Structures are given as C-alpha cells and as structure tokens.
Amino acid sequence: MKTMDAKCPKCGRTHHLKSKSDMVVCDCWRICPVCGAEMTPHPPDTAPKTYALDGIRELQVLVACTRHFPPFYGVQKPVEVVADA
C-alpha cells in the first residue's frame, strides 16, 4: 500500500500516512529545544483563571523540562499534521 508524506509545519519532520484523509499529531511539542529530552507534563499550580491572557482562559504552559537550570517551560501546543496537497 502506498503511503502519503506529511510534513510537520513546526519541526519539519516527515510522517507517513496511509491515506489523504488521515491525520497524525507530531510529538515535537514535547521535545525540549535546550537539551533535546522529552519534557514532562506541567500541572497548573493555581486556578486556571490565573493563566488568562487578554481575557482568554487558556493554559499557556503545557510541558516543562527540569533537567537543567533554569527550567524550560514549553508553550507550543500539539500540532496536527495532514497529507500534503
């Protein structure tokens, strides 16, 4: 079966999909840009309304890498990758 190539718009990694209608979530949002290790989920330390940005209550920090100092707090969200047109 022929596969379709799909490129992540954030990291450029190529994924192989079985059909044009398939979708994959690239895991580049979990990789620390400082050390290259996989970051761990970062639970909110206060109520979600504290994280509001311009009135939008959306958690900004999703993952953190504490393997170095200062820790890196990732704000990139998961990226859906679809087949190239």
Protein backbone atom coordinates (compact mmCIF):
# COMPACT_ATOMS: atom_id res chain seq x y z
CA MET A 1 0.00 0.00 0.00
CA LYS A 2 1.33 3.40 -0.95
CA THR A 3 1.76 5.94 1.83
CA MET A 4 1.37 9.71 1.68
CA ASP A 5 4.02 12.06 3.04
CA ALA A 6 3.04 14.75 5.52
CA LYS A 7 5.43 17.36 6.89
CA CYS A 8 5.07 18.97 10.32
CA PRO A 9 4.84 22.77 9.91
CA LYS A 10 6.69 23.36 13.21
CA CYS A 11 9.67 20.97 13.12
CA GLY A 12 9.75 19.76 9.51
CA ARG A 13 9.63 16.06 10.40
CA THR A 14 8.08 13.87 7.70
CA HIS A 15 5.31 11.48 8.71
CA HIS A 16 3.88 8.71 6.54
CA LEU A 17 0.09 8.44 6.34
CA LYS A 18 -1.94 5.58 4.87
CA SER A 19 -4.47 7.86 3.14
CA LYS A 20 -5.04 11.52 2.33
CA SER A 21 -7.77 11.75 4.96
CA ASP A 22 -5.51 10.50 7.79
CA MET A 23 -4.01 12.83 10.41
CA VAL A 24 -1.19 12.41 12.92
CA VAL A 25 -0.16 14.50 15.94
CA CYS A 26 3.55 15.30 15.81
CA ASP A 27 5.35 14.88 19.13
CA CYS A 28 7.76 17.78 18.56
CA TRP A 29 5.85 19.90 21.09
CA ARG A 30 7.13 17.57 23.84
CA ILE A 31 10.85 17.83 22.98
CA CYS A 32 12.95 20.36 24.91
CA PRO A 33 14.72 22.75 22.49
CA VAL A 34 17.51 23.30 25.05
CA CYS A 35 18.61 19.71 25.76
CA GLY A 36 16.56 17.56 23.36
CA ALA A 37 15.00 15.42 26.11
CA GLU A 38 11.29 14.68 26.38
CA MET A 39 9.57 17.19 28.65
CA THR A 40 7.08 16.22 31.35
CA PRO A 41 3.51 17.50 31.73
CA HIS A 42 3.35 20.64 33.83
CA PRO A 43 0.33 20.73 36.15
CA PRO A 44 -1.05 24.18 36.93
CA ASP A 45 -0.08 25.40 40.37
CA THR A 46 -3.05 27.75 40.71
CA ALA A 47 -6.59 28.05 39.38
CA PRO A 48 -6.89 28.05 35.56
CA LYS A 49 -8.27 31.62 35.59
CA THR A 50 -4.84 32.78 36.78
CA TYR A 51 -3.38 31.81 33.42
CA ALA A 52 -5.71 34.11 31.48
CA LEU A 53 -4.06 36.07 28.67
CA ASP A 54 -6.03 39.03 27.30
CA GLY A 55 -9.22 37.64 28.80
CA ILE A 56 -8.75 34.19 27.26
CA ARG A 57 -8.56 31.50 29.91
CA GLU A 58 -6.19 29.12 28.27
CA LEU A 59 -3.33 27.29 29.91
CA GLN A 60 -0.12 28.63 28.34
CA VAL A 61 2.45 26.26 29.85
CA LEU A 62 1.74 22.64 28.92
CA VAL A 63 5.08 20.89 29.49
CA ALA A 64 8.30 21.60 31.36
CA CYS A 65 11.89 20.36 31.27
CA THR A 66 13.55 20.46 34.66
CA ARG A 67 16.74 18.63 33.61
CA HIS A 68 18.69 21.89 33.54
CA PHE A 69 18.68 25.31 35.19
CA PRO A 70 16.71 27.41 34.56
CA PRO A 71 13.87 25.02 33.66
CA PHE A 72 12.34 25.38 30.21
CA TYR A 73 8.54 25.81 30.10
CA GLY A 74 7.07 24.87 26.73
CA VAL A 75 4.19 26.86 25.31
CA GLN A 76 3.88 25.09 21.95
CA LYS A 77 0.69 23.10 21.54
CA PRO A 78 0.34 19.75 19.80
CA VAL A 79 0.46 20.05 16.02
CA GLU A 80 -1.89 18.13 13.73
CA VAL A 81 -0.16 17.01 10.55
CA VAL A 82 -2.20 16.21 7.41
CA ALA A 83 -1.16 14.95 3.99
CA ASP A 84 0.48 17.48 1.67
CA ALA A 85 -1.83 18.81 -1.02
